[in-house]
Amino acid sequence: MSDAARPWHAMRQGEVLAVVESNRAGLTSAEAARRLARDGPNVLGEPERASVLSLVGAQFRSPVVGLLVVAAIVTAATRQW
């Protein structure tokens, strides 16, 4: 497995620092500013919000839920009042 394909947790500290081109003291202010300009801020985008209807629909795609619905229908159809 190449170094680039190895997960971070499987590398030694020195290997990770070499891959990210840093050192134990961290980045200088100039290097941090250069990387910020090159890569942008380290922020996550807003997550996609699922609608309630899509969440309910996703539940009915599950085979287990389908089995429970069929069992409820059979129970209701055969129940004696």
PDB file of N, CA and C in Angstrom:
ATOM      1  N   MET A   1       0.853  -1.173   0.000  1.00  0.00           N
ATOM      2  CA  MET A   1       0.000   0.000   0.000  1.00  0.00           C
ATOM      3  C   MET A   1       0.899   1.236   0.000  1.00  0.00           C
ATOM      4  N   SER A   2       0.611   2.190  -0.860  1.00  0.00           N
ATOM      5  CA  SER A   2       1.448   3.395  -0.927  1.00  0.00           C
ATOM      6  C   SER A   2       1.175   4.284   0.274  1.00  0.00           C
ATOM      7  N   ASP A   3       2.131   5.195   0.553  1.00  0.00           N
ATOM      8  CA  ASP A   3       1.973   6.098   1.692  1.00  0.00           C
ATOM      9  C   ASP A   3       0.731   6.963   1.546  1.00  0.00           C
ATOM     10  N   ALA A   4       0.402   7.377   0.332  1.00  0.00           N
ATOM     11  CA  ALA A   4      -0.756   8.237   0.116  1.00  0.00           C
ATOM     12  C   ALA A   4      -2.056   7.491   0.413  1.00  0.00           C
ATOM     13  N   ALA A   5      -2.062   6.174   0.236  1.00  0.00           N
ATOM     14  CA  ALA A   5      -3.274   5.395   0.454  1.00  0.00           C
ATOM     15  C   ALA A   5      -3.415   4.934   1.903  1.00  0.00           C
ATOM     16  N   ARG A   6      -2.359   5.070   2.686  1.00  0.00           N
ATOM     17  CA  ARG A   6      -2.428   4.642   4.084  1.00  0.00           C
ATOM     18  C   ARG A   6      -3.272   5.618   4.891  1.00  0.00           C
ATOM     19  N   PRO A   7      -4.121   5.134   5.795  1.00  0.00           N
ATOM     20  CA  PRO A   7      -4.904   6.045   6.628  1.00  0.00           C
ATOM     21  C   PRO A   7      -4.004   6.771   7.630  1.00  0.00           C
ATOM     22  N   TRP A   8      -4.418   7.978   8.031  1.00  0.00           N
ATOM     23  CA  TRP A   8      -3.616   8.801   8.925  1.00  0.00           C
ATOM     24  C   TRP A   8      -3.255   8.061  10.212  1.00  0.00           C
ATOM     25  N   HIS A   9      -4.202   7.319  10.771  1.00  0.00           N
ATOM     26  CA  HIS A   9      -3.944   6.669  12.053  1.00  0.00           C
ATOM     27  C   HIS A   9      -2.917   5.542  11.949  1.00  0.00           C
ATOM     28  N   ALA A  10      -2.610   5.095  10.732  1.00  0.00           N
ATOM     29  CA  ALA A  10      -1.645   4.009  10.553  1.00  0.00           C
ATOM     30  C   ALA A  10      -0.236   4.536  10.283  1.00  0.00           C
ATOM     31  N   MET A  11      -0.084   5.850  10.206  1.00  0.00           N
ATOM     32  CA  MET A  11       1.222   6.443   9.939  1.00  0.00           C
ATOM     33  C   MET A  11       1.882   6.901  11.232  1.00  0.00           C
ATOM     34  N   ARG A  12       3.190   6.973  11.199  1.00  0.00           N
ATOM     35  CA  ARG A  12       3.939   7.547  12.311  1.00  0.00           C
ATOM     36  C   ARG A  12       3.831   9.066  12.215  1.00  0.00           C
ATOM     37  N   GLN A  13       4.067   9.725  13.349  1.00  0.00           N
ATOM     38  CA  GLN A  13       3.937  11.174  13.414  1.00  0.00           C
ATOM     39  C   GLN A  13       4.800  11.865  12.356  1.00  0.00           C
ATOM     40  N   GLY A  14       6.023  11.440  12.206  1.00  0.00           N
ATOM     41  CA  GLY A  14       6.914  12.047  11.230  1.00  0.00           C
ATOM     42  C   GLY A  14       6.416  11.885   9.805  1.00  0.00           C
ATOM     43  N   GLU A  15       5.807  10.743   9.513  1.00  0.00           N
ATOM     44  CA  GLU A  15       5.267  10.507   8.173  1.00  0.00           C
ATOM     45  C   GLU A  15       4.109  11.459   7.871  1.00  0.00           C
ATOM     46  N   VAL A  16       3.228  11.630   8.853  1.00  0.00           N
ATOM     47  CA  VAL A  16       2.094  12.539   8.664  1.00  0.00           C
ATOM     48  C   VAL A  16       2.594  13.966   8.453  1.00  0.00           C
ATOM     49  N   LEU A  17       3.547  14.388   9.263  1.00  0.00           N
ATOM     50  CA  LEU A  17       4.090  15.741   9.128  1.00  0.00           C
ATOM     51  C   LEU A  17       4.724  15.939   7.753  1.00  0.00           C
ATOM     52  N   ALA A  18       5.368  14.908   7.230  1.00  0.00           N
ATOM     53  CA  ALA A  18       5.964  15.019   5.898  1.00  0.00           C
ATOM     54  C   ALA A  18       4.887  15.123   4.825  1.00  0.00           C
ATOM     55  N   VAL A  19       3.817  14.350   4.962  1.00  0.00           N
ATOM     56  CA  VAL A  19       2.740  14.377   3.970  1.00  0.00           C
ATOM     57  C   VAL A  19       2.061  15.747   3.943  1.00  0.00           C
ATOM     58  N   VAL A  20       1.831  16.347   5.113  1.00  0.00           N
ATOM     59  CA  VAL A  20       1.152  17.651   5.162  1.00  0.00           C
ATOM     60  C   VAL A  20       2.130  18.815   5.080  1.00  0.00           C
ATOM     61  N   GLU A  21       3.402  18.494   4.883  1.00  0.00           N
ATOM     62  CA  GLU A  21       4.458  19.501   4.741  1.00  0.00           C
ATOM     63  C   GLU A  21       4.466  20.478   5.920  1.00  0.00           C
ATOM     64  N   SER A  22       4.604  19.920   7.116  1.00  0.00           N
ATOM     65  CA  SER A  22       4.656  20.721   8.334  1.00  0.00           C
ATOM     66  C   SER A  22       5.753  20.165   9.225  1.00  0.00           C
ATOM     67  N   ASN A  23       5.823  20.653  10.456  1.00  0.00           N
ATOM     68  CA  ASN A  23       6.767  20.127  11.434  1.00  0.00           C
ATOM     69  C   ASN A  23       6.140  20.213  12.820  1.00  0.00           C
ATOM     70  N   ARG A  24       6.851  19.738  13.829  1.00  0.00           N
ATOM     71  CA  ARG A  24       6.291  19.690  15.183  1.00  0.00           C
ATOM     72  C   ARG A  24       5.965  21.082  15.737  1.00  0.00           C
ATOM     73  N   ALA A  25       6.640  22.112  15.268  1.00  0.00           N
ATOM     74  CA  ALA A  25       6.390  23.473  15.742  1.00  0.00           C
ATOM     75  C   ALA A  25       5.152  24.080  15.089  1.00  0.00           C
ATOM     76  N   GLY A  26       4.644  23.471  14.034  1.00  0.00           N
ATOM     77  CA  GLY A  26       3.465  23.989  13.344  1.00  0.00           C
ATOM     78  C   GLY A  26       3.854  24.870  12.170  1.00  0.00           C
ATOM     79  N   LEU A  27       2.859  25.520  11.598  1.00  0.00           N
ATOM     80  CA  LEU A  27       3.094  26.373  10.435  1.00  0.00           C
ATOM     81  C   LEU A  27       3.452  27.786  10.880  1.00  0.00           C
ATOM     82  N   THR A  28       4.242  28.447  10.083  1.00  0.00           N
ATOM     83  CA  THR A  28       4.502  29.866  10.335  1.00  0.00           C
ATOM     84  C   THR A  28       3.255  30.641   9.918  1.00  0.00           C
ATOM     85  N   SER A  29       3.151  31.866  10.383  1.00  0.00           N
ATOM     86  CA  SER A  29       1.997  32.701  10.013  1.00  0.00           C
ATOM     87  C   SER A  29       1.938  32.900   8.503  1.00  0.00           C
ATOM     88  N   ALA A  30       3.087  33.081   7.888  1.00  0.00           N
ATOM     89  CA  ALA A  30       3.129  33.285   6.434  1.00  0.00           C
ATOM     90  C   ALA A  30       2.660  32.033   5.696  1.00  0.00           C
ATOM     91  N   GLU A  31       3.108  30.861   6.158  1.00  0.00           N
ATOM     92  CA  GLU A  31       2.701  29.611   5.506  1.00  0.00           C
ATOM     93  C   GLU A  31       1.209  29.367   5.724  1.00  0.00           C
ATOM     94  N   ALA A  32       0.715  29.660   6.928  1.00  0.00           N
ATOM     95  CA  ALA A  32      -0.717  29.490   7.204  1.00  0.00           C
ATOM     96  C   ALA A  32      -1.543  30.407   6.302  1.00  0.00           C
ATOM     97  N   ALA A  33      -1.108  31.645   6.125  1.00  0.00           N
ATOM     98  CA  ALA A  33      -1.819  32.588   5.252  1.00  0.00           C
ATOM     99  C   ALA A  33      -1.785  32.119   3.802  1.00  0.00           C
ATOM    100  N   ARG A  34      -0.641  31.573   3.364  1.00  0.00           N
ATOM    101  CA  ARG A  34      -0.525  31.071   1.993  1.00  0.00           C
ATOM    102  C   ARG A  34      -1.479  29.908   1.772  1.00  0.00           C
ATOM    103  N   ARG A  35      -1.532  28.983   2.733  1.00  0.00           N
ATOM    104  CA  ARG A  35      -2.422  27.829   2.590  1.00  0.00           C
ATOM    105  C   ARG A  35      -3.892  28.247   2.672  1.00  0.00           C
ATOM    106  N   LEU A  36      -4.188  29.239   3.506  1.00  0.00           N
ATOM    107  CA  LEU A  36      -5.562  29.731   3.594  1.00  0.00           C
ATOM    108  C   LEU A  36      -5.981  30.329   2.260  1.00  0.00           C
ATOM    109  N   ALA A  37      -5.097  31.092   1.631  1.00  0.00           N
ATOM    110  CA  ALA A  37      -5.404  31.681   0.333  1.00  0.00           C
ATOM    111  C   ALA A  37      -5.544  30.602  -0.740  1.00  0.00           C
ATOM    112  N   ARG A  38      -4.709  29.559  -0.661  1.00  0.00           N
ATOM    113  CA  ARG A  38      -4.724  28.492  -1.663  1.00  0.00           C
ATOM    114  C   ARG A  38      -5.921  27.558  -1.491  1.00  0.00           C
ATOM    115  N   ASP A  39      -6.184  27.135  -0.240  1.00  0.00           N
ATOM    116  CA  ASP A  39      -7.179  26.085   0.016  1.00  0.00           C
ATOM    117  C   ASP A  39      -8.499  26.596   0.559  1.00  0.00           C
ATOM    118  N   GLY A  40      -8.518  27.820   1.073  1.00  0.00           N
ATOM    119  CA  GLY A  40      -9.738  28.347   1.678  1.00  0.00           C
ATOM    120  C   GLY A  40      -9.827  27.953   3.150  1.00  0.00           C
ATOM    121  N   PRO A  41     -10.834  28.459   3.835  1.00  0.00           N
ATOM    122  CA  PRO A  41     -10.964  28.177   5.269  1.00  0.00           C
ATOM    123  C   PRO A  41     -11.337  26.719   5.529  1.00  0.00           C
ATOM    124  N   ASN A  42     -11.002  26.245   6.693  1.00  0.00           N
ATOM    125  CA  ASN A  42     -11.260  24.868   7.099  1.00  0.00           C
ATOM    126  C   ASN A  42     -12.647  24.798   7.746  1.00  0.00           C
ATOM    127  N   VAL A  43     -13.680  24.825   6.914  1.00  0.00           N
ATOM    128  CA  VAL A  43     -15.053  24.774   7.410  1.00  0.00           C
ATOM    129  C   VAL A  43     -15.832  23.748   6.597  1.00  0.00           C
ATOM    130  N   LEU A  44     -16.828  23.179   7.235  1.00  0.00           N
ATOM    131  CA  LEU A  44     -17.712  22.244   6.558  1.00  0.00           C
ATOM    132  C   LEU A  44     -18.890  23.000   5.974  1.00  0.00           C
ATOM    133  N   GLY A  45     -19.400  22.527   4.849  1.00  0.00           N
ATOM    134  CA  GLY A  45     -20.579  23.122   4.249  1.00  0.00           C
ATOM    135  C   GLY A  45     -21.823  22.744   5.048  1.00  0.00           C
ATOM    136  N   GLU A  46     -22.896  23.449   4.768  1.00  0.00           N
ATOM    137  CA  GLU A  46     -24.160  23.128   5.426  1.00  0.00           C
ATOM    138  C   GLU A  46     -24.651  21.770   4.954  1.00  0.00           C
ATOM    139  N   PRO A  47     -25.093  20.921   5.881  1.00  0.00           N
ATOM    140  CA  PRO A  47     -25.589  19.608   5.465  1.00  0.00           C
ATOM    141  C   PRO A  47     -26.935  19.741   4.754  1.00  0.00           C
ATOM    142  N   GLU A  48     -27.199  18.804   3.853  1.00  0.00           N
ATOM    143  CA  GLU A  48     -28.496  18.783   3.185  1.00  0.00           C
ATOM    144  C   GLU A  48     -29.544  18.364   4.187  1.00  0.00           C
ATOM    145  N   ARG A  49     -30.639  19.084   4.192  1.00  0.00           N
ATOM    146  CA  ARG A  49     -31.720  18.760   5.120  1.00  0.00           C
ATOM    147  C   ARG A  49     -32.746  17.913   4.385  1.00  0.00           C
ATOM    148  N   ALA A  50     -33.077  16.781   4.969  1.00  0.00           N
ATOM    149  CA  ALA A  50     -34.062  15.888   4.367  1.00  0.00           C
ATOM    150  C   ALA A  50     -35.457  16.311   4.820  1.00  0.00           C
ATOM    151  N   SER A  51     -36.402  16.259   3.902  1.00  0.00           N
ATOM    152  CA  SER A  51     -37.775  16.597   4.267  1.00  0.00           C
ATOM    153  C   SER A  51     -38.382  15.451   5.061  1.00  0.00           C
ATOM    154  N   VAL A  52     -39.442  15.777   5.789  1.00  0.00           N
ATOM    155  CA  VAL A  52     -40.132  14.757   6.587  1.00  0.00           C
ATOM    156  C   VAL A  52     -40.691  13.681   5.671  1.00  0.00           C
ATOM    157  N   LEU A  53     -41.218  14.091   4.530  1.00  0.00           N
ATOM    158  CA  LEU A  53     -41.787  13.124   3.591  1.00  0.00           C
ATOM    159  C   LEU A  53     -40.728  12.146   3.081  1.00  0.00           C
ATOM    160  N   SER A  54     -39.526  12.641   2.796  1.00  0.00           N
ATOM    161  CA  SER A  54     -38.468  11.732   2.322  1.00  0.00           C
ATOM    162  C   SER A  54     -38.005  10.796   3.437  1.00  0.00           C
ATOM    163  N   LEU A  55     -38.008  11.266   4.683  1.00  0.00           N
ATOM    164  CA  LEU A  55     -37.643  10.393   5.803  1.00  0.00           C
ATOM    165  C   LEU A  55     -38.674   9.285   5.990  1.00  0.00           C
ATOM    166  N   VAL A  56     -39.962   9.621   5.893  1.00  0.00           N
ATOM    167  CA  VAL A  56     -41.020   8.609   6.017  1.00  0.00           C
ATOM    168  C   VAL A  56     -40.930   7.632   4.845  1.00  0.00           C
ATOM    169  N   GLY A  57     -40.708   8.153   3.649  1.00  0.00           N
ATOM    170  CA  GLY A  57     -40.574   7.286   2.474  1.00  0.00           C
ATOM    171  C   GLY A  57     -39.408   6.328   2.601  1.00  0.00           C
ATOM    172  N   ALA A  58     -38.320   6.790   3.176  1.00  0.00           N
ATOM    173  CA  ALA A  58     -37.147   5.933   3.364  1.00  0.00           C
ATOM    174  C   ALA A  58     -37.459   4.776   4.302  1.00  0.00           C
ATOM    175  N   GLN A  59     -38.325   4.997   5.266  1.00  0.00           N
ATOM    176  CA  GLN A  59     -38.687   3.927   6.193  1.00  0.00           C
ATOM    177  C   GLN A  59     -39.414   2.794   5.478  1.00  0.00           C
ATOM    178  N   PHE A  60     -40.231   3.148   4.509  1.00  0.00           N
ATOM    179  CA  PHE A  60     -41.012   2.122   3.819  1.00  0.00           C
ATOM    180  C   PHE A  60     -40.223   1.385   2.754  1.00  0.00           C
ATOM    181  N   ARG A  61     -38.999   1.787   2.492  1.00  0.00           N
ATOM    182  CA  ARG A  61     -38.134   1.037   1.580  1.00  0.00           C
ATOM    183  C   ARG A  61     -37.431  -0.112   2.298  1.00  0.00           C
ATOM    184  N   SER A  62     -37.565  -0.156   3.605  1.00  0.00           N
ATOM    185  CA  SER A  62     -36.933  -1.216   4.381  1.00  0.00           C
ATOM    186  C   SER A  62     -37.792  -2.486   4.325  1.00  0.00           C
ATOM    187  N   PRO A  63     -37.194  -3.641   4.038  1.00  0.00           N
ATOM    188  CA  PRO A  63     -37.959  -4.889   3.988  1.00  0.00           C
ATOM    189  C   PRO A  63     -38.604  -5.242   5.330  1.00  0.00           C
ATOM    190  N   VAL A  64     -37.960  -4.905   6.413  1.00  0.00           N
ATOM    191  CA  VAL A  64     -38.505  -5.219   7.735  1.00  0.00           C
ATOM    192  C   VAL A  64     -39.782  -4.423   7.973  1.00  0.00           C
ATOM    193  N   VAL A  65     -39.771  -3.146   7.615  1.00  0.00           N
ATOM    194  CA  VAL A  65     -40.965  -2.322   7.782  1.00  0.00           C
ATOM    195  C   VAL A  65     -42.079  -2.856   6.889  1.00  0.00           C
ATOM    196  N   GLY A  66     -41.754  -3.247   5.683  1.00  0.00           N
ATOM    197  CA  GLY A  66     -42.756  -3.825   4.784  1.00  0.00           C
ATOM    198  C   GLY A  66     -43.374  -5.082   5.381  1.00  0.00           C
ATOM    199  N   LEU A  67     -42.549  -5.920   5.974  1.00  0.00           N
ATOM    200  CA  LEU A  67     -43.050  -7.136   6.625  1.00  0.00           C
ATOM    201  C   LEU A  67     -43.988  -6.792   7.776  1.00  0.00           C
ATOM    202  N   LEU A  68     -43.645  -5.786   8.556  1.00  0.00           N
ATOM    203  CA  LEU A  68     -44.504  -5.369   9.665  1.00  0.00           C
ATOM    204  C   LEU A  68     -45.832  -4.803   9.171  1.00  0.00           C
ATOM    205  N   VAL A  69     -45.804  -4.058   8.081  1.00  0.00           N
ATOM    206  CA  VAL A  69     -47.041  -3.517   7.507  1.00  0.00           C
ATOM    207  C   VAL A  69     -47.936  -4.659   7.023  1.00  0.00           C
ATOM    208  N   VAL A  70     -47.347  -5.636   6.345  1.00  0.00           N
ATOM    209  CA  VAL A  70     -48.126  -6.797   5.880  1.00  0.00           C
ATOM    210  C   VAL A  70     -48.700  -7.551   7.076  1.00  0.00           C
ATOM    211  N   ALA A  71     -47.920  -7.740   8.107  1.00  0.00           N
ATOM    212  CA  ALA A  71     -48.407  -8.439   9.300  1.00  0.00           C
ATOM    213  C   ALA A  71     -49.546  -7.663   9.952  1.00  0.00           C
ATOM    214  N   ALA A  72     -49.456  -6.346   9.985  1.00  0.00           N
ATOM    215  CA  ALA A  72     -50.533  -5.538  10.567  1.00  0.00           C
ATOM    216  C   ALA A  72     -51.803  -5.656   9.735  1.00  0.00           C
ATOM    217  N   ILE A  73     -51.678  -5.682   8.407  1.00  0.00           N
ATOM    218  CA  ILE A  73     -52.849  -5.813   7.541  1.00  0.00           C
ATOM    219  C   ILE A  73     -53.503  -7.174   7.725  1.00  0.00           C
ATOM    220  N   VAL A  74     -52.684  -8.236   7.761  1.00  0.00           N
ATOM    221  CA  VAL A  74     -53.215  -9.585   7.961  1.00  0.00           C
ATOM    222  C   VAL A  74     -53.895  -9.685   9.321  1.00  0.00           C
ATOM    223  N   THR A  75     -53.282  -9.120  10.345  1.00  0.00           N
ATOM    224  CA  THR A  75     -53.873  -9.148  11.686  1.00  0.00           C
ATOM    225  C   THR A  75     -55.193  -8.405  11.703  1.00  0.00           C
ATOM    226  N   ALA A  76     -55.244  -7.247  11.091  1.00  0.00           N
ATOM    227  CA  ALA A  76     -56.477  -6.463  11.066  1.00  0.00           C
ATOM    228  C   ALA A  76     -57.558  -7.177  10.261  1.00  0.00           C
ATOM    229  N   ALA A  77     -57.180  -7.847   9.177  1.00  0.00           N
ATOM    230  CA  ALA A  77     -58.171  -8.543   8.327  1.00  0.00           C
ATOM    231  C   ALA A  77     -58.724  -9.795   8.992  1.00  0.00           C
ATOM    232  N   THR A  78     -57.941 -10.446   9.844  1.00  0.00           N
ATOM    233  CA  THR A  78     -58.387 -11.706  10.446  1.00  0.00           C
ATOM    234  C   THR A  78     -58.877 -11.528  11.868  1.00  0.00           C
ATOM    235  N   ARG A  79     -58.844 -10.353  12.383  1.00  0.00           N
ATOM    236  CA  ARG A  79     -59.242 -10.109  13.774  1.00  0.00           C
ATOM    237  C   ARG A  79     -60.767 -10.222  13.889  1.00  0.00           C
ATOM    238  N   GLN A  80     -61.192 -10.908  14.911  1.00  0.00           N
ATOM    239  CA  GLN A  80     -62.640 -11.057  15.150  1.00  0.00           C
ATOM    240  C   GLN A  80     -63.077 -10.006  16.151  1.00  0.00           C
ATOM    241  N   TRP A  81     -64.148  -9.360  15.832  1.00  0.00           N
ATOM    242  CA  TRP A  81     -64.651  -8.296  16.725  1.00  0.00           C
ATOM    243  C   TRP A  81     -65.553  -8.910  17.713  1.00  0.00           C
TER     244      TRP A  81
END
